[in-house]
PDB file of N, CA and C in Angstrom:
ATOM      1  N   MET A   1      79.969  45.441 112.009  1.00  0.00           N
ATOM      2  CA  MET A   1      80.672  44.640 113.050  1.00  0.00           C
ATOM      3  C   MET A   1      80.765  45.563 114.279  1.00  0.00           C
ATOM      4  N   HIS A   2      80.539  45.043 115.398  1.00  0.00           N
ATOM      5  CA  HIS A   2      80.529  45.757 116.666  1.00  0.00           C
ATOM      6  C   HIS A   2      81.634  45.133 117.559  1.00  0.00           C
ATOM      7  N   MET A   3      82.475  45.915 118.273  1.00  0.00           N
ATOM      8  CA  MET A   3      83.450  45.489 119.255  1.00  0.00           C
ATOM      9  C   MET A   3      82.752  45.705 120.681  1.00  0.00           C
ATOM     10  N   ILE A   4      82.669  44.660 121.429  1.00  0.00           N
ATOM     11  CA  ILE A   4      82.054  44.685 122.772  1.00  0.00           C
ATOM     12  C   ILE A   4      83.047  44.167 123.712  1.00  0.00           C
ATOM     13  N   THR A   5      83.238  44.938 124.813  1.00  0.00           N
ATOM     14  CA  THR A   5      84.176  44.603 125.863  1.00  0.00           C
ATOM     15  C   THR A   5      83.363  44.149 127.093  1.00  0.00           C
ATOM     16  N   MET A   6      83.949  43.194 127.836  1.00  0.00           N
ATOM     17  CA  MET A   6      83.348  42.592 129.062  1.00  0.00           C
ATOM     18  C   MET A   6      84.529  42.275 130.026  1.00  0.00           C
ATOM     19  N   ARG A   7      84.140  42.074 131.179  1.00  0.00           N
ATOM     20  CA  ARG A   7      85.239  41.689 132.196  1.00  0.00           C
ATOM     21  C   ARG A   7      84.544  40.580 133.030  1.00  0.00           C
ATOM     22  N   LEU A   8      85.286  39.497 133.218  1.00  0.00           N
ATOM     23  CA  LEU A   8      85.010  38.438 134.198  1.00  0.00           C
ATOM     24  C   LEU A   8      85.939  38.551 135.360  1.00  0.00           C
ATOM     25  N   VAL A   9      85.390  38.237 136.579  1.00  0.00           N
ATOM     26  CA  VAL A   9      86.289  38.313 137.701  1.00  0.00           C
ATOM     27  C   VAL A   9      86.084  37.002 138.475  1.00  0.00           C
ATOM     28  N   ARG A  10      87.149  36.557 139.124  1.00  0.00           N
ATOM     29  CA  ARG A  10      87.038  35.288 139.837  1.00  0.00           C
ATOM     30  C   ARG A  10      86.627  35.570 141.203  1.00  0.00           C
ATOM     31  N   SER A  11      86.061  34.543 141.798  1.00  0.00           N
ATOM     32  CA  SER A  11      85.603  34.610 143.225  1.00  0.00           C
ATOM     33  C   SER A  11      86.814  34.718 144.175  1.00  0.00           C
ATOM     34  N   PRO A  12      86.613  35.330 145.265  1.00  0.00           N
ATOM     35  CA  PRO A  12      87.793  35.449 146.269  1.00  0.00           C
ATOM     36  C   PRO A  12      88.235  34.094 146.729  1.00  0.00           C
ATOM     37  N   GLY A  13      89.368  33.915 146.853  1.00  0.00           N
ATOM     38  CA  GLY A  13      89.981  32.603 147.385  1.00  0.00           C
ATOM     39  C   GLY A  13      90.284  31.548 146.218  1.00  0.00           C
ATOM     40  N   VAL A  14      89.918  31.847 145.054  1.00  0.00           N
ATOM     41  CA  VAL A  14      90.267  30.977 143.867  1.00  0.00           C
ATOM     42  C   VAL A  14      91.633  31.548 143.335  1.00  0.00           C
ATOM     43  N   LEU A  15      92.614  30.610 143.217  1.00  0.00           N
ATOM     44  CA  LEU A  15      93.903  31.133 142.925  1.00  0.00           C
ATOM     45  C   LEU A  15      94.312  31.014 141.484  1.00  0.00           C
ATOM     46  N   LYS A  16      93.668  30.124 140.759  1.00  0.00           N
ATOM     47  CA  LYS A  16      94.016  29.782 139.456  1.00  0.00           C
ATOM     48  C   LYS A  16      93.365  30.620 138.423  1.00  0.00           C
ATOM     49  N   ASP A  17      94.159  31.278 137.430  1.00  0.00           N
ATOM     50  CA  ASP A  17      93.614  31.985 136.360  1.00  0.00           C
ATOM     51  C   ASP A  17      93.327  31.042 135.203  1.00  0.00           C
ATOM     52  N   LEU A  18      92.616  31.305 134.282  1.00  0.00           N
ATOM     53  CA  LEU A  18      92.352  30.396 133.111  1.00  0.00           C
ATOM     54  C   LEU A  18      93.424  30.679 132.087  1.00  0.00           C
ATOM     55  N   GLU A  19      93.975  29.649 131.481  1.00  0.00           N
ATOM     56  CA  GLU A  19      94.969  29.699 130.489  1.00  0.00           C
ATOM     57  C   GLU A  19      94.490  29.977 129.128  1.00  0.00           C
ATOM     58  N   THR A  20      93.325  29.543 128.719  1.00  0.00           N
ATOM     59  CA  THR A  20      92.811  29.678 127.313  1.00  0.00           C
ATOM     60  C   THR A  20      91.290  30.234 127.343  1.00  0.00           C
ATOM     61  N   PRO A  21      91.071  31.430 127.937  1.00  0.00           N
ATOM     62  CA  PRO A  21      89.776  31.878 128.063  1.00  0.00           C
ATOM     63  C   PRO A  21      89.031  32.217 126.642  1.00  0.00           C
ATOM     64  N   SER A  22      89.836  32.454 125.691  1.00  0.00           N
ATOM     65  CA  SER A  22      89.286  32.854 124.290  1.00  0.00           C
ATOM     66  C   SER A  22      88.683  31.565 123.775  1.00  0.00           C
ATOM     67  N   ALA A  23      89.373  30.547 123.809  1.00  0.00           N
ATOM     68  CA  ALA A  23      88.899  29.286 123.269  1.00  0.00           C
ATOM     69  C   ALA A  23      87.681  28.774 124.015  1.00  0.00           C
ATOM     70  N   VAL A  24      87.620  28.809 125.313  1.00  0.00           N
ATOM     71  CA  VAL A  24      86.478  28.401 126.086  1.00  0.00           C
ATOM     72  C   VAL A  24      85.222  29.264 125.720  1.00  0.00           C
ATOM     73  N   LEU A  25      85.349  30.574 125.642  1.00  0.00           N
ATOM     74  CA  LEU A  25      84.291  31.465 125.293  1.00  0.00           C
ATOM     75  C   LEU A  25      83.847  31.075 123.855  1.00  0.00           C
ATOM     76  N   MET A  26      84.792  30.981 122.981  1.00  0.00           N
ATOM     77  CA  MET A  26      84.416  30.852 121.484  1.00  0.00           C
ATOM     78  C   MET A  26      83.587  29.473 121.367  1.00  0.00           C
ATOM     79  N   ALA A  27      83.900  28.572 122.133  1.00  0.00           N
ATOM     80  CA  ALA A  27      83.208  27.257 122.101  1.00  0.00           C
ATOM     81  C   ALA A  27      81.709  27.321 122.559  1.00  0.00           C
ATOM     82  N   GLN A  28      81.427  28.404 123.252  1.00  0.00           N
ATOM     83  CA  GLN A  28      80.077  28.595 123.632  1.00  0.00           C
ATOM     84  C   GLN A  28      79.242  29.392 122.696  1.00  0.00           C
ATOM     85  N   CYS A  29      79.799  29.947 121.559  1.00  0.00           N
ATOM     86  CA  CYS A  29      79.167  30.738 120.593  1.00  0.00           C
ATOM     87  C   CYS A  29      78.324  29.827 119.722  1.00  0.00           C
ATOM     88  N   THR A  30      77.140  30.345 119.343  1.00  0.00           N
ATOM     89  CA  THR A  30      76.322  29.709 118.379  1.00  0.00           C
ATOM     90  C   THR A  30      76.229  30.684 117.088  1.00  0.00           C
ATOM     91  N   PRO A  31      75.855  29.957 115.907  1.00  0.00           N
ATOM     92  CA  PRO A  31      75.755  30.942 114.704  1.00  0.00           C
ATOM     93  C   PRO A  31      74.817  32.088 114.946  1.00  0.00           C
ATOM     94  N   ALA A  32      73.708  31.880 115.805  1.00  0.00           N
ATOM     95  CA  ALA A  32      72.863  32.938 115.938  1.00  0.00           C
ATOM     96  C   ALA A  32      73.498  34.229 116.762  1.00  0.00           C
ATOM     97  N   ASP A  33      74.483  33.933 117.447  1.00  0.00           N
ATOM     98  CA  ASP A  33      75.185  34.972 118.227  1.00  0.00           C
ATOM     99  C   ASP A  33      75.934  35.997 117.276  1.00  0.00           C
ATOM    100  N   GLY A  34      76.276  35.541 116.137  1.00  0.00           N
ATOM    101  CA  GLY A  34      76.990  36.468 115.170  1.00  0.00           C
ATOM    102  C   GLY A  34      78.467  36.830 115.690  1.00  0.00           C
ATOM    103  N   VAL A  35      79.046  36.047 116.645  1.00  0.00           N
ATOM    104  CA  VAL A  35      80.409  36.262 117.028  1.00  0.00           C
ATOM    105  C   VAL A  35      81.354  35.806 115.971  1.00  0.00           C
ATOM    106  N   GLU A  36      82.141  36.736 115.567  1.00  0.00           N
ATOM    107  CA  GLU A  36      83.243  36.349 114.618  1.00  0.00           C
ATOM    108  C   GLU A  36      84.646  36.024 115.326  1.00  0.00           C
ATOM    109  N   HIS A  37      84.895  36.596 116.346  1.00  0.00           N
ATOM    110  CA  HIS A  37      86.102  36.467 117.007  1.00  0.00           C
ATOM    111  C   HIS A  37      86.006  36.826 118.509  1.00  0.00           C
ATOM    112  N   VAL A  38      86.743  36.158 119.393  1.00  0.00           N
ATOM    113  CA  VAL A  38      86.833  36.534 120.735  1.00  0.00           C
ATOM    114  C   VAL A  38      88.316  36.640 121.185  1.00  0.00           C
ATOM    115  N   TRP A  39      88.669  37.758 121.715  1.00  0.00           N
ATOM    116  CA  TRP A  39      89.990  38.002 122.287  1.00  0.00           C
ATOM    117  C   TRP A  39      89.863  38.080 123.776  1.00  0.00           C
ATOM    118  N   ALA A  40      90.643  37.341 124.466  1.00  0.00           N
ATOM    119  CA  ALA A  40      90.583  37.398 125.953  1.00  0.00           C
ATOM    120  C   ALA A  40      91.936  37.394 126.585  1.00  0.00           C
ATOM    121  N   ARG A  41      92.180  38.077 127.661  1.00  0.00           N
ATOM    122  CA  ARG A  41      93.322  38.074 128.427  1.00  0.00           C
ATOM    123  C   ARG A  41      93.069  37.793 129.910  1.00  0.00           C
ATOM    124  N   SER A  42      93.697  36.828 130.457  1.00  0.00           N
ATOM    125  CA  SER A  42      93.599  36.600 131.872  1.00  0.00           C
ATOM    126  C   SER A  42      94.644  37.128 132.698  1.00  0.00           C
ATOM    127  N   ARG A  43      94.312  37.968 133.646  1.00  0.00           N
ATOM    128  CA  ARG A  43      95.265  38.657 134.489  1.00  0.00           C
ATOM    129  C   ARG A  43      94.777  38.634 135.961  1.00  0.00           C
ATOM    130  N   GLN A  44      95.702  38.298 136.846  1.00  0.00           N
ATOM    131  CA  GLN A  44      95.462  38.378 138.303  1.00  0.00           C
ATOM    132  C   GLN A  44      94.082  38.687 138.796  1.00  0.00           C
ATOM    133  N   GLY A  45      93.149  37.639 138.584  1.00  0.00           N
ATOM    134  CA  GLY A  45      91.824  37.665 139.134  1.00  0.00           C
ATOM    135  C   GLY A  45      90.764  38.158 138.229  1.00  0.00           C
ATOM    136  N   HIS A  46      91.165  38.566 137.011  1.00  0.00           N
ATOM    137  CA  HIS A  46      90.061  39.046 136.084  1.00  0.00           C
ATOM    138  C   HIS A  46      90.424  38.683 134.585  1.00  0.00           C
ATOM    139  N   ILE A  47      89.437  38.647 133.810  1.00  0.00           N
ATOM    140  CA  ILE A  47      89.653  38.367 132.411  1.00  0.00           C
ATOM    141  C   ILE A  47      88.953  39.504 131.636  1.00  0.00           C
ATOM    142  N   ASP A  48      89.783  40.122 130.771  1.00  0.00           N
ATOM    143  CA  ASP A  48      89.300  41.192 129.850  1.00  0.00           C
ATOM    144  C   ASP A  48      88.901  40.427 128.629  1.00  0.00           C
ATOM    145  N   VAL A  49      87.749  40.785 128.188  1.00  0.00           N
ATOM    146  CA  VAL A  49      87.242  39.977 126.905  1.00  0.00           C
ATOM    147  C   VAL A  49      86.800  41.114 125.842  1.00  0.00           C
ATOM    148  N   VAL A  50      87.120  40.793 124.600  1.00  0.00           N
ATOM    149  CA  VAL A  50      86.580  41.652 123.597  1.00  0.00           C
ATOM    150  C   VAL A  50      85.837  40.643 122.555  1.00  0.00           C
ATOM    151  N   PHE A  51      84.655  40.894 122.193  1.00  0.00           N
ATOM    152  CA  PHE A  51      83.917  40.228 121.234  1.00  0.00           C
ATOM    153  C   PHE A  51      83.848  41.043 119.994  1.00  0.00           C
ATOM    154  N   PHE A  52      83.894  40.427 118.840  1.00  0.00           N
ATOM    155  CA  PHE A  52      83.674  41.082 117.536  1.00  0.00           C
ATOM    156  C   PHE A  52      82.459  40.414 117.024  1.00  0.00           C
ATOM    157  N   VAL A  53      81.361  41.204 116.882  1.00  0.00           N
ATOM    158  CA  VAL A  53      80.109  40.574 116.660  1.00  0.00           C
ATOM    159  C   VAL A  53      79.391  41.236 115.523  1.00  0.00           C
ATOM    160  N   LEU A  54      78.946  40.499 114.598  1.00  0.00           N
ATOM    161  CA  LEU A  54      78.192  40.900 113.314  1.00  0.00           C
ATOM    162  C   LEU A  54      76.773  41.024 113.809  1.00  0.00           C
ATOM    163  N   SER A  55      76.216  42.259 113.785  1.00  0.00           N
ATOM    164  CA  SER A  55      74.907  42.483 114.290  1.00  0.00           C
ATOM    165  C   SER A  55      74.371  43.779 113.747  1.00  0.00           C
ATOM    166  N   GLY A  56      73.120  43.968 113.687  1.00  0.00           N
ATOM    167  CA  GLY A  56      72.467  45.105 113.184  1.00  0.00           C
ATOM    168  C   GLY A  56      72.580  46.372 113.894  1.00  0.00           C
ATOM    169  N   CYS A  57      72.836  46.239 115.312  1.00  0.00           N
ATOM    170  CA  CYS A  57      73.002  47.302 116.126  1.00  0.00           C
ATOM    171  C   CYS A  57      73.864  46.946 117.373  1.00  0.00           C
ATOM    172  N   GLU A  58      74.320  47.976 118.173  1.00  0.00           N
ATOM    173  CA  GLU A  58      75.222  47.655 119.215  1.00  0.00           C
ATOM    174  C   GLU A  58      74.470  46.933 120.357  1.00  0.00           C
ATOM    175  N   ALA A  59      73.280  47.310 120.579  1.00  0.00           N
ATOM    176  CA  ALA A  59      72.492  46.679 121.625  1.00  0.00           C
ATOM    177  C   ALA A  59      72.356  45.190 121.372  1.00  0.00           C
ATOM    178  N   GLU A  60      72.084  44.763 120.196  1.00  0.00           N
ATOM    179  CA  GLU A  60      72.003  43.352 119.910  1.00  0.00           C
ATOM    180  C   GLU A  60      73.444  42.663 120.034  1.00  0.00           C
ATOM    181  N   ALA A  61      74.409  43.395 119.739  1.00  0.00           N
ATOM    182  CA  ALA A  61      75.736  42.747 119.863  1.00  0.00           C
ATOM    183  C   ALA A  61      76.149  42.566 121.305  1.00  0.00           C
ATOM    184  N   LEU A  62      75.673  43.513 122.165  1.00  0.00           N
ATOM    185  CA  LEU A  62      75.943  43.539 123.536  1.00  0.00           C
ATOM    186  C   LEU A  62      75.185  42.295 124.152  1.00  0.00           C
ATOM    187  N   LEU A  63      74.021  42.188 123.799  1.00  0.00           N
ATOM    188  CA  LEU A  63      73.241  41.044 124.246  1.00  0.00           C
ATOM    189  C   LEU A  63      73.741  39.689 123.802  1.00  0.00           C
ATOM    190  N   ALA A  64      74.254  39.579 122.676  1.00  0.00           N
ATOM    191  CA  ALA A  64      74.789  38.333 122.199  1.00  0.00           C
ATOM    192  C   ALA A  64      76.197  37.963 122.956  1.00  0.00           C
ATOM    193  N   ALA A  65      77.022  39.020 123.158  1.00  0.00           N
ATOM    194  CA  ALA A  65      78.261  38.834 123.937  1.00  0.00           C
ATOM    195  C   ALA A  65      77.901  38.416 125.345  1.00  0.00           C
ATOM    196  N   ARG A  66      76.944  39.078 125.902  1.00  0.00           N
ATOM    197  CA  ARG A  66      76.529  38.671 127.242  1.00  0.00           C
ATOM    198  C   ARG A  66      75.940  37.235 127.362  1.00  0.00           C
ATOM    199  N   ALA A  67      75.156  36.892 126.415  1.00  0.00           N
ATOM    200  CA  ALA A  67      74.630  35.597 126.371  1.00  0.00           C
ATOM    201  C   ALA A  67      75.777  34.547 126.292  1.00  0.00           C
ATOM    202  N   VAL A  68      76.908  34.749 125.527  1.00  0.00           N
ATOM    203  CA  VAL A  68      77.906  33.843 125.428  1.00  0.00           C
ATOM    204  C   VAL A  68      78.593  33.775 126.846  1.00  0.00           C
ATOM    205  N   CYS A  69      78.868  34.882 127.415  1.00  0.00           N
ATOM    206  CA  CYS A  69      79.438  34.751 128.789  1.00  0.00           C
ATOM    207  C   CYS A  69      78.586  34.086 129.720  1.00  0.00           C
ATOM    208  N   GLU A  70      77.323  34.232 129.788  1.00  0.00           N
ATOM    209  CA  GLU A  70      76.462  33.573 130.677  1.00  0.00           C
ATOM    210  C   GLU A  70      76.496  32.042 130.436  1.00  0.00           C
ATOM    211  N   ARG A  71      76.439  31.673 129.206  1.00  0.00           N
ATOM    212  CA  ARG A  71      76.556  30.326 128.878  1.00  0.00           C
ATOM    213  C   ARG A  71      77.889  29.753 129.302  1.00  0.00           C
ATOM    214  N   ALA A  72      78.892  30.468 129.172  1.00  0.00           N
ATOM    215  CA  ALA A  72      80.240  29.846 129.674  1.00  0.00           C
ATOM    216  C   ALA A  72      80.225  29.759 131.174  1.00  0.00           C
ATOM    217  N   LEU A  73      79.684  30.699 131.838  1.00  0.00           N
ATOM    218  CA  LEU A  73      79.635  30.634 133.291  1.00  0.00           C
ATOM    219  C   LEU A  73      78.754  29.540 133.813  1.00  0.00           C
ATOM    220  N   SER A  74      77.723  29.219 133.007  1.00  0.00           N
ATOM    221  CA  SER A  74      76.735  28.161 133.509  1.00  0.00           C
ATOM    222  C   SER A  74      77.158  26.702 133.088  1.00  0.00           C
ATOM    223  N   HIS A  75      77.796  26.700 131.985  1.00  0.00           N
ATOM    224  CA  HIS A  75      78.208  25.340 131.468  1.00  0.00           C
ATOM    225  C   HIS A  75      79.592  24.872 131.425  1.00  0.00           C
ATOM    226  N   GLU A  76      80.526  25.734 131.591  1.00  0.00           N
ATOM    227  CA  GLU A  76      81.909  25.379 131.541  1.00  0.00           C
ATOM    228  C   GLU A  76      82.489  25.313 132.994  1.00  0.00           C
ATOM    229  N   PRO A  77      83.001  24.066 133.183  1.00  0.00           N
ATOM    230  CA  PRO A  77      83.522  23.883 134.642  1.00  0.00           C
ATOM    231  C   PRO A  77      84.782  24.892 134.901  1.00  0.00           C
ATOM    232  N   ALA A  78      85.488  25.281 133.886  1.00  0.00           N
ATOM    233  CA  ALA A  78      86.565  26.165 134.100  1.00  0.00           C
ATOM    234  C   ALA A  78      86.210  27.514 134.642  1.00  0.00           C
ATOM    235  N   PHE A  79      84.855  27.910 134.374  1.00  0.00           N
ATOM    236  CA  PHE A  79      84.372  29.177 134.709  1.00  0.00           C
ATOM    237  C   PHE A  79      83.510  29.045 136.005  1.00  0.00           C
ATOM    238  N   ALA A  80      83.578  28.018 136.628  1.00  0.00           N
ATOM    239  CA  ALA A  80      82.675  27.802 137.847  1.00  0.00           C
ATOM    240  C   ALA A  80      82.825  28.824 138.862  1.00  0.00           C
ATOM    241  N   SER A  81      84.054  29.349 139.160  1.00  0.00           N
ATOM    242  CA  SER A  81      84.160  30.329 140.152  1.00  0.00           C
ATOM    243  C   SER A  81      84.404  31.753 139.682  1.00  0.00           C
ATOM    244  N   TRP A  82      83.873  32.017 138.458  1.00  0.00           N
ATOM    245  CA  TRP A  82      83.994  33.331 137.893  1.00  0.00           C
ATOM    246  C   TRP A  82      82.615  33.869 137.675  1.00  0.00           C
ATOM    247  N   ARG A  83      82.509  35.291 137.582  1.00  0.00           N
ATOM    248  CA  ARG A  83      81.266  36.021 137.362  1.00  0.00           C
ATOM    249  C   ARG A  83      81.534  37.169 136.389  1.00  0.00           C
ATOM    250  N   LEU A  84      80.576  37.620 135.816  1.00  0.00           N
ATOM    251  CA  LEU A  84      80.490  38.714 134.861  1.00  0.00           C
ATOM    252  C   LEU A  84      80.259  40.014 135.694  1.00  0.00           C
ATOM    253  N   THR A  85      81.104  41.033 135.504  1.00  0.00           N
ATOM    254  CA  THR A  85      80.936  42.253 136.120  1.00  0.00           C
ATOM    255  C   THR A  85      79.927  43.103 135.406  1.00  0.00           C
ATOM    256  N   ASP A  86      79.161  44.052 136.071  1.00  0.00           N
ATOM    257  CA  ASP A  86      78.125  44.737 135.491  1.00  0.00           C
ATOM    258  C   ASP A  86      78.638  46.203 134.809  1.00  0.00           C
TER     259      ASP A  86
END
């Protein structure tokens, strides 16, 4: 199992933080992603996310976590004004 950290930031001018980012992200996971658990904390304009991913290597786990974030950003209205930091 690999622990992958990511950060999402909201666009300037958007005032509302998300209340349940973990649930929204977990809803975007597929069995192929290998994500076992998502922990997320929303704070003043950013969301710190930790993915726990079952994967053969860290690179695959990182790609899976990034794919989940990108799906959420593309398909979840709650994430419409957010972006993934590099």
